[in-house]
C-alpha atoms as a PDB file:
ATOM      1  CA  UNK A   1       2.638  -7.453  26.165  1.00  0.00           C
ATOM      2  CA  UNK A   2       0.086  -4.619  26.187  1.00  0.00           C
ATOM      3  CA  UNK A   3      -2.126  -3.720  23.240  1.00  0.00           C
ATOM      4  CA  UNK A   4      -0.046  -0.613  22.626  1.00  0.00           C
ATOM      5  CA  UNK A   5       3.160  -2.667  22.610  1.00  0.00           C
ATOM      6  CA  UNK A   6       1.682  -5.018  20.022  1.00  0.00           C
ATOM      7  CA  UNK A   7       1.246  -2.158  17.548  1.00  0.00           C
ATOM      8  CA  UNK A   8       4.320  -0.140  18.529  1.00  0.00           C
ATOM      9  CA  UNK A   9       6.540   0.883  15.601  1.00  0.00           C
ATOM     10  CA  UNK A  10       8.989   3.042  17.556  1.00  0.00           C
ATOM     11  CA  UNK A  11      12.383   3.145  15.858  1.00  0.00           C
ATOM     12  CA  UNK A  12      11.071   1.533  12.675  1.00  0.00           C
ATOM     13  CA  UNK A  13      11.461   3.126   9.239  1.00  0.00           C
ATOM     14  CA  UNK A  14       8.777   2.734   6.575  1.00  0.00           C
ATOM     15  CA  UNK A  15       8.541   3.676   2.901  1.00  0.00           C
ATOM     16  CA  UNK A  16       4.979   4.235   1.678  1.00  0.00           C
ATOM     17  CA  UNK A  17       4.425   5.103  -1.985  1.00  0.00           C
ATOM     18  CA  UNK A  18       1.408   7.034  -3.198  1.00  0.00           C
ATOM     19  CA  UNK A  19       1.117   8.410   0.317  1.00  0.00           C
ATOM     20  CA  UNK A  20      -0.181  11.941  -0.211  1.00  0.00           C
ATOM     21  CA  UNK A  21      -3.842  10.962  -0.307  1.00  0.00           C
ATOM     22  CA  UNK A  22      -6.293   8.146   0.225  1.00  0.00           C
ATOM     23  CA  UNK A  23      -5.111   4.799   1.543  1.00  0.00           C
ATOM     24  CA  UNK A  24      -1.404   5.635   1.318  1.00  0.00           C
ATOM     25  CA  UNK A  25      -1.761   8.819   3.352  1.00  0.00           C
ATOM     26  CA  UNK A  26      -3.834   7.022   5.982  1.00  0.00           C
ATOM     27  CA  UNK A  27      -1.170   4.314   6.313  1.00  0.00           C
ATOM     28  CA  UNK A  28       1.674   6.835   6.597  1.00  0.00           C
ATOM     29  CA  UNK A  29      -0.206   8.765   9.289  1.00  0.00           C
ATOM     30  CA  UNK A  30      -1.093   5.641  11.272  1.00  0.00           C
ATOM     31  CA  UNK A  31       2.504   4.391  11.174  1.00  0.00           C
ATOM     32  CA  UNK A  32       3.741   7.761  12.449  1.00  0.00           C
ATOM     33  CA  UNK A  33       1.090   7.741  15.169  1.00  0.00           C
ATOM     34  CA  UNK A  34       2.617   4.521  16.451  1.00  0.00           C
ATOM     35  CA  UNK A  35       6.157   5.873  16.409  1.00  0.00           C
ATOM     36  CA  UNK A  36       7.568   5.089  12.961  1.00  0.00           C
ATOM     37  CA  UNK A  37       9.675   7.281  10.744  1.00  0.00           C
ATOM     38  CA  UNK A  38       7.857   7.389   7.406  1.00  0.00           C
ATOM     39  CA  UNK A  39       8.867   8.349   3.881  1.00  0.00           C
ATOM     40  CA  UNK A  40       5.972  10.154   2.219  1.00  0.00           C
ATOM     41  CA  UNK A  41       6.168   9.810  -1.542  1.00  0.00           C
ATOM     42  CA  UNK A  42       4.240  10.772  -4.656  1.00  0.00           C
ATOM     43  CA  UNK A  43       5.116  12.632  -7.846  1.00  0.00           C
ATOM     44  CA  UNK A  44       4.528  16.214  -6.626  1.00  0.00           C
ATOM     45  CA  UNK A  45       7.025  17.657  -4.165  1.00  0.00           C
ATOM     46  CA  UNK A  46       4.731  20.364  -2.808  1.00  0.00           C
ATOM     47  CA  UNK A  47       1.973  17.888  -1.987  1.00  0.00           C
ATOM     48  CA  UNK A  48       4.487  15.574  -0.291  1.00  0.00           C
ATOM     49  CA  UNK A  49       5.682  18.460   1.876  1.00  0.00           C
ATOM     50  CA  UNK A  50       2.112  19.364   2.849  1.00  0.00           C
ATOM     51  CA  UNK A  51       1.430  15.829   4.070  1.00  0.00           C
ATOM     52  CA  UNK A  52       4.773  15.680   5.880  1.00  0.00           C
ATOM     53  CA  UNK A  53       3.972  18.905   7.722  1.00  0.00           C
ATOM     54  CA  UNK A  54       0.565  17.545   8.695  1.00  0.00           C
ATOM     55  CA  UNK A  55       1.935  14.248   9.998  1.00  0.00           C
ATOM     56  CA  UNK A  56       4.788  15.888  11.903  1.00  0.00           C
ATOM     57  CA  UNK A  57       2.361  18.343  13.484  1.00  0.00           C
ATOM     58  CA  UNK A  58       0.001  15.595  14.614  1.00  0.00           C
ATOM     59  CA  UNK A  59       2.375  12.837  15.676  1.00  0.00           C
ATOM     60  CA  UNK A  60       5.786  14.245  16.620  1.00  0.00           C
ATOM     61  CA  UNK A  61       4.813  13.984  20.278  1.00  0.00           C
ATOM     62  CA  UNK A  62       4.350  10.241  19.782  1.00  0.00           C
ATOM     63  CA  UNK A  63       7.806   9.791  18.267  1.00  0.00           C
ATOM     64  CA  UNK A  64       6.550   9.670  14.707  1.00  0.00           C
ATOM     65  CA  UNK A  65       8.319  11.544  11.943  1.00  0.00           C
ATOM     66  CA  UNK A  66       7.659  12.022   8.239  1.00  0.00           C
ATOM     67  CA  UNK A  67      10.018  12.990   5.450  1.00  0.00           C
ATOM     68  CA  UNK A  68       9.236  13.751   1.814  1.00  0.00           C
ATOM     69  CA  UNK A  69      10.839  12.111  -1.193  1.00  0.00           C
ATOM     70  CA  UNK A  70       9.001  12.914  -4.459  1.00  0.00           C
ATOM     71  CA  UNK A  71       9.145   9.926  -6.773  1.00  0.00           C
ATOM     72  CA  UNK A  72       7.484   8.599  -9.908  1.00  0.00           C
ATOM     73  CA  UNK A  73       7.454   4.894  -9.095  1.00  0.00           C
ATOM     74  CA  UNK A  74       7.727   3.979 -12.773  1.00  0.00           C
ATOM     75  CA  UNK A  75      11.225   5.504 -12.813  1.00  0.00           C
ATOM     76  CA  UNK A  76      13.474   2.715 -11.564  1.00  0.00           C
ATOM     77  CA  UNK A  77      16.472   4.957 -10.925  1.00  0.00           C
ATOM     78  CA  UNK A  78      14.378   7.408  -8.904  1.00  0.00           C
ATOM     79  CA  UNK A  79      12.860   4.529  -6.952  1.00  0.00           C
ATOM     80  CA  UNK A  80      16.334   3.246  -6.083  1.00  0.00           C
ATOM     81  CA  UNK A  81      17.388   6.774  -5.147  1.00  0.00           C
ATOM     82  CA  UNK A  82      14.489   6.919  -2.676  1.00  0.00           C
ATOM     83  CA  UNK A  83      15.538   3.665  -1.046  1.00  0.00           C
ATOM     84  CA  UNK A  84      19.181   4.773  -0.879  1.00  0.00           C
ATOM     85  CA  UNK A  85      18.269   8.202   0.511  1.00  0.00           C
ATOM     86  CA  UNK A  86      16.040   6.628   3.170  1.00  0.00           C
ATOM     87  CA  UNK A  87      18.854   4.356   4.312  1.00  0.00           C
ATOM     88  CA  UNK A  88      21.265   7.285   4.366  1.00  0.00           C
ATOM     89  CA  UNK A  89      18.868   9.503   6.340  1.00  0.00           C
ATOM     90  CA  UNK A  90      17.651   7.050   8.957  1.00  0.00           C
ATOM     91  CA  UNK A  91      20.162   4.202   8.759  1.00  0.00           C
ATOM     92  CA  UNK A  92      17.636   1.446   8.222  1.00  0.00           C
ATOM     93  CA  UNK A  93      14.485   0.259   6.433  1.00  0.00           C
ATOM     94  CA  UNK A  94      12.022  -2.023   8.216  1.00  0.00           C
ATOM     95  CA  UNK A  95       8.727  -1.660   6.366  1.00  0.00           C
ATOM     96  CA  UNK A  96       7.941  -1.365   2.657  1.00  0.00           C
ATOM     97  CA  UNK A  97       4.445  -0.436   1.459  1.00  0.00           C
ATOM     98  CA  UNK A  98       4.025  -0.341  -2.341  1.00  0.00           C
ATOM     99  CA  UNK A  99       0.699   1.463  -2.541  1.00  0.00           C
ATOM    100  CA  UNK A 100       0.885   3.596  -5.698  1.00  0.00           C
ATOM    101  CA  UNK A 101      -1.325   2.265  -8.468  1.00  0.00           C
ATOM    102  CA  UNK A 102      -3.186   3.329 -11.598  1.00  0.00           C
ATOM    103  CA  UNK A 103      -6.114   2.325 -13.766  1.00  0.00           C
ATOM    104  CA  UNK A 104      -6.189   4.532 -16.879  1.00  0.00           C
ATOM    105  CA  UNK A 105      -8.814   2.512 -18.744  1.00  0.00           C
ATOM    106  CA  UNK A 106     -12.399   1.495 -17.987  1.00  0.00           C
ATOM    107  CA  UNK A 107     -14.214  -0.623 -20.560  1.00  0.00           C
ATOM    108  CA  UNK A 108     -14.113  -3.915 -22.497  1.00  0.00           C
ATOM    109  CA  UNK A 109     -10.663  -5.521 -22.464  1.00  0.00           C
ATOM    110  CA  UNK A 110     -10.785  -6.112 -26.208  1.00  0.00           C
ATOM    111  CA  UNK A 111     -10.771  -2.341 -26.813  1.00  0.00           C
ATOM    112  CA  UNK A 112      -8.027  -1.503 -24.333  1.00  0.00           C
ATOM    113  CA  UNK A 113      -5.144   0.453 -25.924  1.00  0.00           C
ATOM    114  CA  UNK A 114      -1.634  -0.872 -25.478  1.00  0.00           C
ATOM    115  CA  UNK A 115      -0.610   2.412 -23.865  1.00  0.00           C
ATOM    116  CA  UNK A 116      -3.034   1.810 -20.980  1.00  0.00           C
ATOM    117  CA  UNK A 117      -1.858  -1.764 -20.590  1.00  0.00           C
ATOM    118  CA  UNK A 118       1.773  -0.631 -20.516  1.00  0.00           C
ATOM    119  CA  UNK A 119       1.041   1.989 -17.852  1.00  0.00           C
ATOM    120  CA  UNK A 120      -0.770  -0.474 -15.600  1.00  0.00           C
ATOM    121  CA  UNK A 121       2.041  -2.985 -16.004  1.00  0.00           C
ATOM    122  CA  UNK A 122       4.688  -0.357 -15.285  1.00  0.00           C
ATOM    123  CA  UNK A 123       3.102   1.150 -12.180  1.00  0.00           C
ATOM    124  CA  UNK A 124       1.140  -1.684 -10.612  1.00  0.00           C
ATOM    125  CA  UNK A 125       3.450  -4.623 -11.297  1.00  0.00           C
ATOM    126  CA  UNK A 126       6.983  -3.567 -12.203  1.00  0.00           C
ATOM    127  CA  UNK A 127       7.329  -0.772  -9.658  1.00  0.00           C
ATOM    128  CA  UNK A 128       5.941  -2.985  -6.880  1.00  0.00           C
ATOM    129  CA  UNK A 129       8.351  -5.759  -7.818  1.00  0.00           C
ATOM    130  CA  UNK A 130      11.265  -3.330  -8.008  1.00  0.00           C
ATOM    131  CA  UNK A 131      10.592  -1.564  -4.723  1.00  0.00           C
ATOM    132  CA  UNK A 132      10.108  -4.754  -2.735  1.00  0.00           C
ATOM    133  CA  UNK A 133      13.376  -6.214  -3.966  1.00  0.00           C
ATOM    134  CA  UNK A 134      15.227  -2.929  -3.445  1.00  0.00           C
ATOM    135  CA  UNK A 135      14.106  -2.896   0.182  1.00  0.00           C
ATOM    136  CA  UNK A 136      14.675  -6.596   0.919  1.00  0.00           C
ATOM    137  CA  UNK A 137      18.456  -6.401   1.618  1.00  0.00           C
ATOM    138  CA  UNK A 138      17.935  -3.521   4.054  1.00  0.00           C
ATOM    139  CA  UNK A 139      15.097  -5.288   5.863  1.00  0.00           C
ATOM    140  CA  UNK A 140      17.184  -8.466   6.107  1.00  0.00           C
ATOM    141  CA  UNK A 141      19.981  -6.357   7.597  1.00  0.00           C
ATOM    142  CA  UNK A 142      17.628  -5.412  10.458  1.00  0.00           C
ATOM    143  CA  UNK A 143      16.890  -9.071  11.152  1.00  0.00           C
ATOM    144  CA  UNK A 144      13.488  -8.895   9.477  1.00  0.00           C
ATOM    145  CA  UNK A 145      10.524  -6.634   8.911  1.00  0.00           C
ATOM    146  CA  UNK A 146       7.386  -6.347   6.852  1.00  0.00           C
ATOM    147  CA  UNK A 147       6.304  -5.812   3.250  1.00  0.00           C
ATOM    148  CA  UNK A 148       2.680  -4.761   2.848  1.00  0.00           C
ATOM    149  CA  UNK A 149       1.475  -4.590  -0.759  1.00  0.00           C
ATOM    150  CA  UNK A 150      -1.761  -2.704  -1.365  1.00  0.00           C
ATOM    151  CA  UNK A 151      -3.564  -4.768  -3.985  1.00  0.00           C
ATOM    152  CA  UNK A 152      -7.332  -5.101  -4.562  1.00  0.00           C
ATOM    153  CA  UNK A 153     -10.262  -7.416  -3.957  1.00  0.00           C
ATOM    154  CA  UNK A 154     -10.932  -7.059  -7.697  1.00  0.00           C
ATOM    155  CA  UNK A 155      -8.033  -9.456  -8.225  1.00  0.00           C
ATOM    156  CA  UNK A 156     -10.047 -12.263  -6.656  1.00  0.00           C
ATOM    157  CA  UNK A 157     -12.748 -12.668  -9.296  1.00  0.00           C
ATOM    158  CA  UNK A 158     -13.530 -12.000 -12.942  1.00  0.00           C
ATOM    159  CA  UNK A 159     -14.169  -8.448 -14.063  1.00  0.00           C
ATOM    160  CA  UNK A 160     -15.103  -6.880 -17.403  1.00  0.00           C
ATOM    161  CA  UNK A 161     -14.507  -3.089 -17.242  1.00  0.00           C
ATOM    162  CA  UNK A 162     -11.199  -3.195 -15.349  1.00  0.00           C
ATOM    163  CA  UNK A 163      -9.899  -6.512 -16.640  1.00  0.00           C
ATOM    164  CA  UNK A 164      -6.184  -5.762 -16.931  1.00  0.00           C
ATOM    165  CA  UNK A 165      -6.169  -3.791 -13.673  1.00  0.00           C
ATOM    166  CA  UNK A 166      -7.383  -6.980 -11.970  1.00  0.00           C
ATOM    167  CA  UNK A 167      -4.586  -8.931 -13.671  1.00  0.00           C
ATOM    168  CA  UNK A 168      -2.086  -6.506 -12.144  1.00  0.00           C
ATOM    169  CA  UNK A 169      -3.622  -7.034  -8.705  1.00  0.00           C
ATOM    170  CA  UNK A 170      -3.364 -10.814  -8.999  1.00  0.00           C
ATOM    171  CA  UNK A 171       0.309 -10.278  -9.817  1.00  0.00           C
ATOM    172  CA  UNK A 172       0.718  -8.253  -6.621  1.00  0.00           C
ATOM    173  CA  UNK A 173      -0.887 -11.037  -4.605  1.00  0.00           C
ATOM    174  CA  UNK A 174       1.651 -13.462  -6.029  1.00  0.00           C
ATOM    175  CA  UNK A 175       4.583 -11.095  -5.451  1.00  0.00           C
ATOM    176  CA  UNK A 176       3.640 -11.104  -1.747  1.00  0.00           C
ATOM    177  CA  UNK A 177       3.443 -14.895  -1.617  1.00  0.00           C
ATOM    178  CA  UNK A 178       6.760 -15.321  -3.432  1.00  0.00           C
ATOM    179  CA  UNK A 179       8.516 -12.869  -1.095  1.00  0.00           C
ATOM    180  CA  UNK A 180       7.056 -14.634   1.944  1.00  0.00           C
ATOM    181  CA  UNK A 181       8.492 -17.957   0.827  1.00  0.00           C
ATOM    182  CA  UNK A 182      11.840 -16.578  -0.326  1.00  0.00           C
ATOM    183  CA  UNK A 183      12.620 -14.348   2.654  1.00  0.00           C
ATOM    184  CA  UNK A 184      10.659 -15.808   5.553  1.00  0.00           C
ATOM    185  CA  UNK A 185      13.829 -17.544   6.796  1.00  0.00           C
ATOM    186  CA  UNK A 186      15.460 -14.086   7.043  1.00  0.00           C
ATOM    187  CA  UNK A 187      12.569 -12.746   9.110  1.00  0.00           C
ATOM    188  CA  UNK A 188      10.663 -10.883   6.401  1.00  0.00           C
ATOM    189  CA  UNK A 189       6.888 -11.125   6.414  1.00  0.00           C
ATOM    190  CA  UNK A 190       5.186 -10.248   3.137  1.00  0.00           C
ATOM    191  CA  UNK A 191       1.454  -9.833   2.706  1.00  0.00           C
ATOM    192  CA  UNK A 192      -1.034  -8.118   0.415  1.00  0.00           C
ATOM    193  CA  UNK A 193      -4.111  -6.188   1.428  1.00  0.00           C
ATOM    194  CA  UNK A 194      -7.060  -6.433  -0.964  1.00  0.00           C
ATOM    195  CA  UNK A 195      -9.309  -3.410  -0.379  1.00  0.00           C
ATOM    196  CA  UNK A 196     -12.801  -3.297  -1.750  1.00  0.00           C
ATOM    197  CA  UNK A 197     -14.374   0.012  -2.782  1.00  0.00           C
ATOM    198  CA  UNK A 198     -12.768   2.590  -0.498  1.00  0.00           C
ATOM    199  CA  UNK A 199     -13.946   6.195  -0.434  1.00  0.00           C
ATOM    200  CA  UNK A 200     -10.925   7.768  -2.133  1.00  0.00           C
ATOM    201  CA  UNK A 201     -10.359   9.889  -5.235  1.00  0.00           C
ATOM    202  CA  UNK A 202      -9.318   6.689  -7.036  1.00  0.00           C
ATOM    203  CA  UNK A 203     -12.838   5.265  -6.638  1.00  0.00           C
ATOM    204  CA  UNK A 204     -14.747   8.534  -6.910  1.00  0.00           C
ATOM    205  CA  UNK A 205     -16.641   7.416 -10.016  1.00  0.00           C
ATOM    206  CA  UNK A 206     -18.294   4.748  -7.874  1.00  0.00           C
ATOM    207  CA  UNK A 207     -19.142   6.609  -4.678  1.00  0.00           C
ATOM    208  CA  UNK A 208     -20.197   9.903  -6.304  1.00  0.00           C
ATOM    209  CA  UNK A 209     -22.894   8.330  -8.500  1.00  0.00           C
ATOM    210  CA  UNK A 210     -26.042   7.452  -6.472  1.00  0.00           C
ATOM    211  CA  UNK A 211     -27.013   4.674  -8.871  1.00  0.00           C
ATOM    212  CA  UNK A 212     -23.585   3.076  -8.625  1.00  0.00           C
ATOM    213  CA  UNK A 213     -23.603   3.516  -4.843  1.00  0.00           C
ATOM    214  CA  UNK A 214     -26.777   1.445  -4.512  1.00  0.00           C
ATOM    215  CA  UNK A 215     -25.545  -1.087  -7.043  1.00  0.00           C
ATOM    216  CA  UNK A 216     -22.165  -1.492  -5.359  1.00  0.00           C
ATOM    217  CA  UNK A 217     -23.467  -1.591  -1.794  1.00  0.00           C
ATOM    218  CA  UNK A 218     -25.991  -4.281  -2.692  1.00  0.00           C
ATOM    219  CA  UNK A 219     -23.002  -6.579  -3.257  1.00  0.00           C
ATOM    220  CA  UNK A 220     -21.359  -5.736   0.087  1.00  0.00           C
ATOM    221  CA  UNK A 221     -22.617  -7.448   3.256  1.00  0.00           C
ATOM    222  CA  UNK A 222     -21.838  -4.336   5.343  1.00  0.00           C
ATOM    223  CA  UNK A 223     -23.788  -2.262   2.798  1.00  0.00           C
ATOM    224  CA  UNK A 224     -21.331   0.619   2.634  1.00  0.00           C
ATOM    225  CA  UNK A 225     -18.031   1.736   1.170  1.00  0.00           C
ATOM    226  CA  UNK A 226     -14.861   1.501   3.212  1.00  0.00           C
ATOM    227  CA  UNK A 227     -12.693   4.349   4.452  1.00  0.00           C
ATOM    228  CA  UNK A 228      -8.906   4.716   4.052  1.00  0.00           C
ATOM    229  CA  UNK A 229      -8.244   4.348   7.769  1.00  0.00           C
ATOM    230  CA  UNK A 230      -9.988   0.981   7.768  1.00  0.00           C
ATOM    231  CA  UNK A 231      -7.271  -0.239   5.411  1.00  0.00           C
ATOM    232  CA  UNK A 232      -4.570   1.551   7.414  1.00  0.00           C
ATOM    233  CA  UNK A 233      -5.556  -0.373  10.535  1.00  0.00           C
ATOM    234  CA  UNK A 234      -4.825  -3.670   8.814  1.00  0.00           C
ATOM    235  CA  UNK A 235      -1.564  -2.279   7.399  1.00  0.00           C
ATOM    236  CA  UNK A 236      -0.549  -1.294  10.939  1.00  0.00           C
ATOM    237  CA  UNK A 237      -1.256  -4.792  12.205  1.00  0.00           C
ATOM    238  CA  UNK A 238       0.790  -6.353   9.413  1.00  0.00           C
ATOM    239  CA  UNK A 239       3.749  -4.021  10.033  1.00  0.00           C
ATOM    240  CA  UNK A 240       3.821  -4.546  13.788  1.00  0.00           C
ATOM    241  CA  UNK A 241       4.192  -7.372  16.291  1.00  0.00           C
ATOM    242  CA  UNK A 242       0.417  -7.772  16.185  1.00  0.00           C
ATOM    243  CA  UNK A 243       0.946  -9.518  12.842  1.00  0.00           C
ATOM    244  CA  UNK A 244       4.155 -11.311  13.752  1.00  0.00           C
ATOM    245  CA  UNK A 245       2.935 -14.726  12.566  1.00  0.00           C
ATOM    246  CA  UNK A 246       1.110 -13.587   9.441  1.00  0.00           C
ATOM    247  CA  UNK A 247       2.869 -13.924   6.095  1.00  0.00           C
ATOM    248  CA  UNK A 248       2.092 -14.859   2.502  1.00  0.00           C
ATOM    249  CA  UNK A 249      -1.540 -13.831   2.884  1.00  0.00           C
ATOM    250  CA  UNK A 250      -3.973 -11.729   0.863  1.00  0.00           C
ATOM    251  CA  UNK A 251      -6.220 -10.044   3.425  1.00  0.00           C
ATOM    252  CA  UNK A 252      -9.541  -8.731   2.147  1.00  0.00           C
ATOM    253  CA  UNK A 253     -10.654  -5.367   3.536  1.00  0.00           C
ATOM    254  CA  UNK A 254     -13.862  -5.128   1.585  1.00  0.00           C
ATOM    255  CA  UNK A 255     -16.861  -5.243   3.901  1.00  0.00           C
ATOM    256  CA  UNK A 256     -17.374  -8.867   2.912  1.00  0.00           C
ATOM    257  CA  UNK A 257     -17.602  -8.223  -0.847  1.00  0.00           C
ATOM    258  CA  UNK A 258     -15.076 -10.988  -1.486  1.00  0.00           C
ATOM    259  CA  UNK A 259     -17.489 -13.664  -0.263  1.00  0.00           C
ATOM    260  CA  UNK A 260     -20.465 -12.552  -2.351  1.00  0.00           C
END
């Protein structure tokens, strides 16, 4: 099997949430580059359509195709509608990537308002749990496939200013492990990726402040922030035959920050 064959996603259908920017967009584009049909999803329809047009322009000649389905992942009925519409449009679902996430509060956990806690729980935990289990029957129907949960390296150690966010990431790690055990016999592989500080809008407060840049990079063996495509490469491996014997794992993509 050639290197290209190992990563080939031709004929596969993937749902990627939060895929109009940052890590999600990079994953959707990389999947399309390797031949997948990809659902691009976020809350704003016009932004979804812009990303779809970009992906279709760049990767149609490789067999990749993107399609927009605007969706607030905290709305369970809308989430189910996206899964149903994907199955109706393309006849199958092979890959599920719950990527959408939020962190509306930064500060001591003792002062965190319940509204922020509820939002993190709704988007980072419940929607991930819902989407994975909505996709499972369709992936089983194909004889197997891959679930790739985008979590965070922050879920691997204690943290003060984003304490409940890290709790939500630990939950995502465990969702991946539980799915791996429950559905491995049906051919489903489930893993989580734990990015470190990636240069996205989500982490802009860190990489736009020179003092924080130096502070953060001093704790990273590679001494730099990551880029969305460096996460997308791992997501491609996990979705393809290149990761055919990898399941139930939390893979750090953090420049070595997880070992410091």
